[in-house]
Amino acid sequence: MADDVGADQLAIIRIDGMHCHKCEQSVQKALLQFPGVHEVEVDFNSAQASVLYDHAKVSVKTLADAITEAGYTVTGFTTRHADRASHP
């Protein structure tokens, strides 16, 4: 991965309608389709997705819309600057 993740945002997106690991995979696939999305972790037990993304390339609204298009309901989200220490 050649992208510089130093300026990334972290979005925690709350999702209703996920019931199993297949649901997790569907949401993950929907989110990973966008350039600028670097990491996605989805957990149906906690009903949320954590997305590390470049906000200059993709918006959190676009991510939320993709989840909705995949058949799930976004109930809210929070964002913050990702504090990643990726220096060797």
C-alpha atoms as a PDB file:
ATOM      1  CA  MET A   1       0.000   0.000   0.000  1.00  0.00           C
ATOM      2  CA  ALA A   2       1.757   3.108  -1.231  1.00  0.00           C
ATOM      3  CA  ASP A   3      -0.808   5.588   0.059  1.00  0.00           C
ATOM      4  CA  ASP A   4       0.268   7.898   2.863  1.00  0.00           C
ATOM      5  CA  VAL A   5      -2.105   7.160   5.714  1.00  0.00           C
ATOM      6  CA  GLY A   6      -0.768   9.951   7.903  1.00  0.00           C
ATOM      7  CA  ALA A   7      -3.651  12.287   7.072  1.00  0.00           C
ATOM      8  CA  ASP A   8      -6.390   9.677   7.248  1.00  0.00           C
ATOM      9  CA  GLN A   9      -9.671   9.976   9.083  1.00  0.00           C
ATOM     10  CA  LEU A  10     -11.199   7.240  11.188  1.00  0.00           C
ATOM     11  CA  ALA A  11     -14.958   6.788  10.933  1.00  0.00           C
ATOM     12  CA  ILE A  12     -16.945   4.626  13.312  1.00  0.00           C
ATOM     13  CA  ILE A  13     -20.230   3.930  11.542  1.00  0.00           C
ATOM     14  CA  ARG A  14     -23.148   2.439  13.494  1.00  0.00           C
ATOM     15  CA  ILE A  15     -25.193  -0.020  11.434  1.00  0.00           C
ATOM     16  CA  ASP A  16     -28.538  -1.754  11.989  1.00  0.00           C
ATOM     17  CA  GLY A  17     -29.502  -4.942  10.186  1.00  0.00           C
ATOM     18  CA  MET A  18     -26.316  -7.005  10.422  1.00  0.00           C
ATOM     19  CA  HIS A  19     -26.959 -10.470  11.861  1.00  0.00           C
ATOM     20  CA  CYS A  20     -24.010 -12.665  10.846  1.00  0.00           C
ATOM     21  CA  HIS A  21     -20.508 -12.847   9.387  1.00  0.00           C
ATOM     22  CA  LYS A  22     -21.924 -12.773   5.871  1.00  0.00           C
ATOM     23  CA  CYS A  23     -23.447  -9.388   6.723  1.00  0.00           C
ATOM     24  CA  GLU A  24     -20.010  -8.223   7.886  1.00  0.00           C
ATOM     25  CA  GLN A  25     -18.516  -9.333   4.569  1.00  0.00           C
ATOM     26  CA  SER A  26     -21.216  -7.532   2.587  1.00  0.00           C
ATOM     27  CA  VAL A  27     -20.591  -4.262   4.415  1.00  0.00           C
ATOM     28  CA  GLN A  28     -16.820  -4.657   4.126  1.00  0.00           C
ATOM     29  CA  LYS A  29     -17.065  -5.272   0.384  1.00  0.00           C
ATOM     30  CA  ALA A  30     -19.310  -2.231  -0.048  1.00  0.00           C
ATOM     31  CA  LEU A  31     -16.775  -0.019   1.751  1.00  0.00           C
ATOM     32  CA  LEU A  32     -13.580  -1.370   0.182  1.00  0.00           C
ATOM     33  CA  GLN A  33     -14.742  -0.499  -3.336  1.00  0.00           C
ATOM     34  CA  PHE A  34     -13.702   3.147  -2.955  1.00  0.00           C
ATOM     35  CA  PRO A  35     -10.258   4.566  -3.687  1.00  0.00           C
ATOM     36  CA  GLY A  36      -8.958   6.126  -0.495  1.00  0.00           C
ATOM     37  CA  VAL A  37     -10.363   3.473   1.845  1.00  0.00           C
ATOM     38  CA  HIS A  38      -7.340   1.896   3.502  1.00  0.00           C
ATOM     39  CA  GLU A  39      -8.762  -0.355   6.211  1.00  0.00           C
ATOM     40  CA  VAL A  40     -12.214  -1.647   7.128  1.00  0.00           C
ATOM     41  CA  GLU A  41     -13.205  -3.648  10.188  1.00  0.00           C
ATOM     42  CA  VAL A  42     -16.848  -4.678  10.556  1.00  0.00           C
ATOM     43  CA  ASP A  43     -18.389  -6.356  13.605  1.00  0.00           C
ATOM     44  CA  PHE A  44     -22.026  -7.399  13.599  1.00  0.00           C
ATOM     45  CA  ASN A  45     -21.972  -7.999  17.384  1.00  0.00           C
ATOM     46  CA  SER A  46     -21.173  -4.359  18.092  1.00  0.00           C
ATOM     47  CA  ALA A  47     -23.207  -3.213  15.049  1.00  0.00           C
ATOM     48  CA  GLN A  48     -20.483  -1.010  13.674  1.00  0.00           C
ATOM     49  CA  ALA A  49     -17.796  -0.570  11.057  1.00  0.00           C
ATOM     50  CA  SER A  50     -14.444   1.133  11.605  1.00  0.00           C
ATOM     51  CA  VAL A  51     -13.096   2.705   8.433  1.00  0.00           C
ATOM     52  CA  LEU A  52      -9.674   4.270   7.939  1.00  0.00           C
ATOM     53  CA  TYR A  53      -9.941   6.484   4.862  1.00  0.00           C
ATOM     54  CA  ASP A  54      -8.525   9.482   3.032  1.00  0.00           C
ATOM     55  CA  HIS A  55     -11.171  12.179   3.332  1.00  0.00           C
ATOM     56  CA  ALA A  56      -9.718  13.933   0.274  1.00  0.00           C
ATOM     57  CA  LYS A  57     -10.700  10.916  -1.859  1.00  0.00           C
ATOM     58  CA  VAL A  58     -13.966   9.705  -0.289  1.00  0.00           C
ATOM     59  CA  SER A  59     -16.499  11.194   2.118  1.00  0.00           C
ATOM     60  CA  VAL A  60     -18.137   9.534   5.081  1.00  0.00           C
ATOM     61  CA  LYS A  61     -21.492  10.260   3.408  1.00  0.00           C
ATOM     62  CA  THR A  62     -20.394   8.211   0.399  1.00  0.00           C
ATOM     63  CA  LEU A  63     -19.405   5.377   2.743  1.00  0.00           C
ATOM     64  CA  ALA A  64     -22.743   5.559   4.566  1.00  0.00           C
ATOM     65  CA  ASP A  65     -24.619   5.574   1.244  1.00  0.00           C
ATOM     66  CA  ALA A  66     -22.738   2.420   0.168  1.00  0.00           C
ATOM     67  CA  ILE A  67     -23.807   0.650   3.363  1.00  0.00           C
ATOM     68  CA  THR A  68     -27.417   1.680   2.728  1.00  0.00           C
ATOM     69  CA  GLU A  69     -27.202   0.450  -0.868  1.00  0.00           C
ATOM     70  CA  ALA A  70     -25.923  -2.899   0.463  1.00  0.00           C
ATOM     71  CA  GLY A  71     -29.189  -3.236   2.394  1.00  0.00           C
ATOM     72  CA  TYR A  72     -28.301  -2.025   5.885  1.00  0.00           C
ATOM     73  CA  THR A  73     -29.307   1.036   7.911  1.00  0.00           C
ATOM     74  CA  VAL A  74     -26.728   3.565   9.061  1.00  0.00           C
ATOM     75  CA  THR A  75     -27.827   4.916  12.438  1.00  0.00           C
ATOM     76  CA  GLY A  76     -24.972   7.361  12.945  1.00  0.00           C
ATOM     77  CA  PHE A  77     -21.243   7.852  12.799  1.00  0.00           C
ATOM     78  CA  THR A  78     -18.346   9.610  14.432  1.00  0.00           C
ATOM     79  CA  THR A  79     -15.123  10.702  12.771  1.00  0.00           C
ATOM     80  CA  ARG A  80     -11.743  11.785  13.995  1.00  0.00           C
ATOM     81  CA  HIS A  81      -8.240  12.175  12.690  1.00  0.00           C
ATOM     82  CA  ALA A  82      -6.542   8.780  12.728  1.00  0.00           C
ATOM     83  CA  ASP A  83      -3.590   8.813  15.127  1.00  0.00           C
ATOM     84  CA  ARG A  84      -1.443   6.244  13.421  1.00  0.00           C
ATOM     85  CA  ALA A  85       2.225   6.047  14.191  1.00  0.00           C
ATOM     86  CA  SER A  86       3.372   4.492  10.928  1.00  0.00           C
ATOM     87  CA  HIS A  87       6.939   5.725  11.129  1.00  0.00           C
ATOM     88  CA  PRO A  88       9.663   3.074  11.387  1.00  0.00           C
END
